[in-house]
Amino acid sequence: MRIFIAPFILLGALATSGLSFASDINLEKQTPEQLKSACDQAGGKFSQDTRGYGCGTNCAGGPGTSCTVFCQPDKKCVAQVMGARHPRHILDALKKPAGRR
């Protein structure tokens, strides 16, 4: 019985401690208008509700959720990007760098 359970325990441990393919990056504060402008430039979809405002793109000039930025009023924005990128600006977070697939 122990031999049967051991692979499942190992698999569960690997799944919960696996490598992350996305990272959260803190960026400068943005007003809703500033983020919407950057979102439009990146080809993303802007949204706003009572908790804050955000933009999502496919990282390639269209709407999606592969590259996202979310801001709360009077707080720094948080970008979530794929891979090991470390963007320093909102527009860089919403678009992948030239030359990357």
N, C-alpha and C. Protein backbone atom coordinates (compact mmCIF):
# COMPACT_ATOMS: atom_id res chain seq x y z
N MET A 1 0.82 -1.20 0.00
CA MET A 1 0.00 0.00 0.00
C MET A 1 0.86 1.26 0.00
N ARG A 2 1.98 1.25 0.76
CA ARG A 2 2.86 2.41 0.80
C ARG A 2 3.47 2.68 -0.57
N ILE A 3 3.79 1.65 -1.30
CA ILE A 3 4.38 1.82 -2.63
C ILE A 3 3.38 2.48 -3.56
N PHE A 4 2.11 2.21 -3.40
CA PHE A 4 1.07 2.80 -4.23
C PHE A 4 0.86 4.28 -3.91
N ILE A 5 0.94 4.67 -2.65
CA ILE A 5 0.67 6.04 -2.22
C ILE A 5 1.88 6.95 -2.46
N ALA A 6 3.08 6.45 -2.35
CA ALA A 6 4.29 7.26 -2.46
C ALA A 6 4.36 8.08 -3.75
N PRO A 7 4.05 7.52 -4.92
CA PRO A 7 4.11 8.35 -6.13
C PRO A 7 3.13 9.53 -6.10
N PHE A 8 1.97 9.34 -5.50
CA PHE A 8 1.00 10.43 -5.42
C PHE A 8 1.47 11.53 -4.47
N ILE A 9 2.12 11.16 -3.38
CA ILE A 9 2.67 12.16 -2.46
C ILE A 9 3.78 12.94 -3.16
N LEU A 10 4.65 12.25 -3.87
CA LEU A 10 5.73 12.90 -4.60
C LEU A 10 5.18 13.83 -5.68
N LEU A 11 4.20 13.36 -6.41
CA LEU A 11 3.59 14.16 -7.46
C LEU A 11 2.93 15.42 -6.87
N GLY A 12 2.25 15.28 -5.76
CA GLY A 12 1.62 16.43 -5.10
C GLY A 12 2.65 17.44 -4.62
N ALA A 13 3.75 16.97 -4.06
CA ALA A 13 4.81 17.86 -3.60
C ALA A 13 5.43 18.62 -4.76
N LEU A 14 5.65 17.95 -5.87
CA LEU A 14 6.21 18.62 -7.04
C LEU A 14 5.24 19.62 -7.63
N ALA A 15 3.97 19.30 -7.63
CA ALA A 15 2.97 20.21 -8.20
C ALA A 15 2.83 21.49 -7.39
N THR A 16 2.88 21.37 -6.08
CA THR A 16 2.72 22.57 -5.25
C THR A 16 3.98 23.40 -5.14
N SER A 17 5.14 22.80 -5.40
CA SER A 17 6.38 23.56 -5.32
C SER A 17 7.01 23.77 -6.69
N GLY A 18 6.23 23.56 -7.73
CA GLY A 18 6.76 23.66 -9.09
C GLY A 18 7.17 25.07 -9.47
N LEU A 19 7.85 25.18 -10.58
CA LEU A 19 8.31 26.47 -11.06
C LEU A 19 7.13 27.33 -11.47
N SER A 20 7.22 28.58 -11.18
CA SER A 20 6.18 29.52 -11.58
C SER A 20 6.52 30.08 -12.95
N PHE A 21 5.54 30.13 -13.82
CA PHE A 21 5.76 30.66 -15.15
C PHE A 21 5.35 32.12 -15.26
N ALA A 22 4.81 32.68 -14.20
CA ALA A 22 4.42 34.09 -14.20
C ALA A 22 4.98 34.73 -12.94
N SER A 23 5.28 36.01 -13.03
CA SER A 23 5.79 36.70 -11.86
C SER A 23 5.05 38.02 -11.68
N ASP A 24 4.93 38.45 -10.41
CA ASP A 24 4.30 39.72 -10.09
C ASP A 24 5.38 40.78 -9.92
N ILE A 25 5.21 41.91 -10.58
CA ILE A 25 6.18 42.99 -10.55
C ILE A 25 5.47 44.25 -10.07
N ASN A 26 6.02 44.93 -9.08
CA ASN A 26 5.47 46.21 -8.62
C ASN A 26 5.94 47.32 -9.55
N LEU A 27 5.02 48.14 -9.98
CA LEU A 27 5.32 49.26 -10.87
C LEU A 27 4.82 50.56 -10.27
N GLU A 28 5.11 51.67 -10.93
CA GLU A 28 4.71 52.98 -10.44
C GLU A 28 3.19 53.13 -10.41
N LYS A 29 2.73 54.10 -9.59
CA LYS A 29 1.30 54.41 -9.52
C LYS A 29 0.84 54.96 -10.88
N GLN A 30 -0.40 54.67 -11.21
CA GLN A 30 -1.01 55.17 -12.44
C GLN A 30 -2.44 55.59 -12.15
N THR A 31 -2.88 56.64 -12.79
CA THR A 31 -4.29 57.00 -12.72
C THR A 31 -5.04 56.10 -13.69
N PRO A 32 -6.35 56.01 -13.56
CA PRO A 32 -7.10 55.21 -14.54
C PRO A 32 -6.87 55.69 -15.97
N GLU A 33 -6.77 57.00 -16.15
CA GLU A 33 -6.57 57.55 -17.49
C GLU A 33 -5.20 57.15 -18.05
N GLN A 34 -4.16 57.18 -17.20
CA GLN A 34 -2.82 56.79 -17.65
C GLN A 34 -2.78 55.32 -18.04
N LEU A 35 -3.39 54.48 -17.21
CA LEU A 35 -3.38 53.05 -17.52
C LEU A 35 -4.20 52.76 -18.77
N LYS A 36 -5.33 53.43 -18.93
CA LYS A 36 -6.15 53.22 -20.12
C LYS A 36 -5.38 53.62 -21.38
N SER A 37 -4.64 54.72 -21.31
CA SER A 37 -3.84 55.15 -22.46
C SER A 37 -2.78 54.11 -22.82
N ALA A 38 -2.06 53.61 -21.82
CA ALA A 38 -1.05 52.57 -22.07
C ALA A 38 -1.71 51.30 -22.59
N CYS A 39 -2.87 50.97 -22.05
CA CYS A 39 -3.60 49.79 -22.48
C CYS A 39 -4.01 49.90 -23.95
N ASP A 40 -4.49 51.07 -24.33
CA ASP A 40 -4.87 51.30 -25.73
C ASP A 40 -3.64 51.17 -26.64
N GLN A 41 -2.50 51.70 -26.22
CA GLN A 41 -1.27 51.60 -27.01
C GLN A 41 -0.82 50.15 -27.18
N ALA A 42 -1.06 49.33 -26.15
CA ALA A 42 -0.64 47.93 -26.19
C ALA A 42 -1.68 47.04 -26.86
N GLY A 43 -2.85 47.59 -27.20
CA GLY A 43 -3.90 46.80 -27.84
C GLY A 43 -4.68 45.94 -26.87
N GLY A 44 -4.64 46.28 -25.58
CA GLY A 44 -5.31 45.47 -24.56
C GLY A 44 -6.73 45.89 -24.28
N LYS A 45 -7.28 45.27 -23.25
CA LYS A 45 -8.65 45.57 -22.81
C LYS A 45 -8.58 46.15 -21.41
N PHE A 46 -9.10 47.36 -21.26
CA PHE A 46 -9.12 48.07 -19.98
C PHE A 46 -10.42 47.78 -19.26
N SER A 47 -10.34 47.65 -17.94
CA SER A 47 -11.56 47.48 -17.14
C SER A 47 -11.38 48.20 -15.82
N GLN A 48 -12.51 48.58 -15.22
CA GLN A 48 -12.48 49.32 -13.96
C GLN A 48 -13.68 48.92 -13.13
N ASP A 49 -13.47 48.77 -11.81
CA ASP A 49 -14.57 48.51 -10.89
C ASP A 49 -14.26 49.21 -9.57
N THR A 50 -14.99 48.88 -8.52
CA THR A 50 -14.82 49.55 -7.24
C THR A 50 -13.49 49.22 -6.57
N ARG A 51 -12.88 48.09 -6.90
CA ARG A 51 -11.61 47.70 -6.28
C ARG A 51 -10.40 48.33 -6.95
N GLY A 52 -10.53 48.70 -8.23
CA GLY A 52 -9.41 49.27 -8.95
C GLY A 52 -9.63 49.20 -10.44
N TYR A 53 -8.54 49.22 -11.19
CA TYR A 53 -8.61 49.23 -12.64
C TYR A 53 -7.43 48.44 -13.19
N GLY A 54 -7.63 47.88 -14.36
CA GLY A 54 -6.59 47.02 -14.91
C GLY A 54 -6.65 46.92 -16.42
N CYS A 55 -5.64 46.26 -16.95
CA CYS A 55 -5.53 46.03 -18.38
C CYS A 55 -4.96 44.64 -18.59
N GLY A 56 -5.46 43.98 -19.61
CA GLY A 56 -4.94 42.66 -19.97
C GLY A 56 -4.66 42.60 -21.45
N THR A 57 -3.53 41.98 -21.80
CA THR A 57 -3.18 41.77 -23.20
C THR A 57 -2.70 40.34 -23.39
N ASN A 58 -2.56 39.98 -24.66
CA ASN A 58 -1.98 38.68 -24.98
C ASN A 58 -0.46 38.82 -25.15
N CYS A 59 0.09 39.94 -24.76
CA CYS A 59 1.52 40.29 -24.86
C CYS A 59 1.96 40.54 -26.30
N ALA A 60 1.05 40.48 -27.24
CA ALA A 60 1.42 40.61 -28.66
C ALA A 60 0.54 41.60 -29.39
N GLY A 61 -0.05 42.57 -28.68
CA GLY A 61 -0.84 43.59 -29.34
C GLY A 61 -2.32 43.34 -29.41
N GLY A 62 -2.83 42.42 -28.61
CA GLY A 62 -4.27 42.14 -28.60
C GLY A 62 -4.75 41.89 -27.18
N PRO A 63 -6.08 41.88 -26.98
CA PRO A 63 -6.61 41.62 -25.65
C PRO A 63 -6.31 40.19 -25.21
N GLY A 64 -6.20 40.00 -23.93
CA GLY A 64 -5.94 38.67 -23.38
C GLY A 64 -5.59 38.77 -21.92
N THR A 65 -5.02 37.69 -21.39
CA THR A 65 -4.66 37.68 -19.97
C THR A 65 -3.24 37.20 -19.73
N SER A 66 -2.42 37.11 -20.76
CA SER A 66 -1.04 36.67 -20.57
C SER A 66 -0.19 37.73 -19.90
N CYS A 67 -0.45 38.99 -20.17
CA CYS A 67 0.23 40.12 -19.54
C CYS A 67 -0.84 41.03 -18.95
N THR A 68 -0.81 41.24 -17.65
CA THR A 68 -1.84 42.05 -17.02
C THR A 68 -1.22 43.07 -16.07
N VAL A 69 -1.92 44.17 -15.88
CA VAL A 69 -1.55 45.19 -14.89
C VAL A 69 -2.81 45.54 -14.13
N PHE A 70 -2.72 45.57 -12.81
CA PHE A 70 -3.86 45.95 -11.97
C PHE A 70 -3.40 47.04 -11.01
N CYS A 71 -4.21 48.07 -10.86
CA CYS A 71 -3.89 49.19 -9.98
C CYS A 71 -5.05 49.44 -9.02
N GLN A 72 -4.70 49.82 -7.81
CA GLN A 72 -5.68 50.28 -6.84
C GLN A 72 -5.42 51.75 -6.61
N PRO A 73 -6.46 52.53 -6.34
CA PRO A 73 -6.25 53.97 -6.12
C PRO A 73 -5.20 54.23 -5.04
N ASP A 74 -4.29 55.16 -5.31
CA ASP A 74 -3.25 55.59 -4.38
C ASP A 74 -2.29 54.48 -3.94
N LYS A 75 -2.15 53.45 -4.77
CA LYS A 75 -1.18 52.38 -4.49
C LYS A 75 -0.40 52.10 -5.77
N LYS A 76 0.74 51.43 -5.61
CA LYS A 76 1.51 51.04 -6.78
C LYS A 76 0.73 50.00 -7.58
N CYS A 77 1.00 49.96 -8.87
CA CYS A 77 0.36 48.97 -9.73
C CYS A 77 1.15 47.67 -9.67
N VAL A 78 0.48 46.58 -9.96
CA VAL A 78 1.12 45.27 -9.98
C VAL A 78 0.92 44.68 -11.37
N ALA A 79 2.04 44.29 -11.98
CA ALA A 79 1.99 43.65 -13.30
C ALA A 79 2.25 42.17 -13.13
N GLN A 80 1.58 41.37 -13.91
CA GLN A 80 1.86 39.95 -13.95
C GLN A 80 2.28 39.63 -15.38
N VAL A 81 3.51 39.13 -15.51
CA VAL A 81 4.06 38.86 -16.83
C VAL A 81 4.55 37.42 -16.89
N MET A 82 4.62 36.90 -18.09
CA MET A 82 5.06 35.52 -18.29
C MET A 82 6.58 35.47 -18.33
N GLY A 83 7.13 34.38 -17.84
CA GLY A 83 8.57 34.16 -17.93
C GLY A 83 9.35 34.96 -16.90
N ALA A 84 10.59 35.20 -17.20
CA ALA A 84 11.51 35.85 -16.26
C ALA A 84 11.70 37.33 -16.57
N ARG A 85 10.74 37.94 -17.21
CA ARG A 85 10.85 39.36 -17.54
C ARG A 85 10.70 40.22 -16.30
N HIS A 86 11.32 41.40 -16.33
CA HIS A 86 11.21 42.36 -15.24
C HIS A 86 10.98 43.75 -15.82
N PRO A 87 9.77 44.01 -16.31
CA PRO A 87 9.49 45.32 -16.91
C PRO A 87 9.57 46.43 -15.86
N ARG A 88 9.94 47.62 -16.32
CA ARG A 88 10.04 48.76 -15.42
C ARG A 88 8.92 49.76 -15.64
N HIS A 89 8.20 49.62 -16.73
CA HIS A 89 7.13 50.56 -17.06
C HIS A 89 5.88 49.78 -17.46
N ILE A 90 4.74 50.43 -17.35
CA ILE A 90 3.45 49.80 -17.65
C ILE A 90 3.42 49.23 -19.06
N LEU A 91 3.81 50.04 -20.04
CA LEU A 91 3.75 49.59 -21.43
C LEU A 91 4.66 48.39 -21.67
N ASP A 92 5.82 48.37 -21.01
CA ASP A 92 6.73 47.22 -21.14
C ASP A 92 6.10 45.96 -20.56
N ALA A 93 5.28 46.12 -19.53
CA ALA A 93 4.63 44.95 -18.91
C ALA A 93 3.53 44.39 -19.79
N LEU A 94 2.91 45.23 -20.61
CA LEU A 94 1.79 44.80 -21.42
C LEU A 94 2.19 44.26 -22.80
N LYS A 95 3.44 44.48 -23.18
CA LYS A 95 3.93 44.00 -24.47
C LYS A 95 5.24 43.26 -24.24
N LYS A 96 5.44 42.17 -24.96
CA LYS A 96 6.71 41.48 -24.83
C LYS A 96 7.77 42.24 -25.61
N PRO A 97 9.01 42.17 -25.17
CA PRO A 97 10.08 42.89 -25.85
C PRO A 97 10.27 42.40 -27.28
N ALA A 98 10.72 43.29 -28.13
CA ALA A 98 10.99 42.93 -29.53
C ALA A 98 12.04 41.82 -29.55
N GLY A 99 11.87 40.90 -30.46
CA GLY A 99 12.81 39.80 -30.59
C GLY A 99 12.47 38.59 -29.75
N ARG A 100 11.48 38.69 -28.88
CA ARG A 100 11.06 37.53 -28.07
C ARG A 100 9.85 36.89 -28.72
N ARG A 101 9.76 35.60 -28.61
CA ARG A 101 8.61 34.87 -29.16
C ARG A 101 7.40 35.01 -28.29
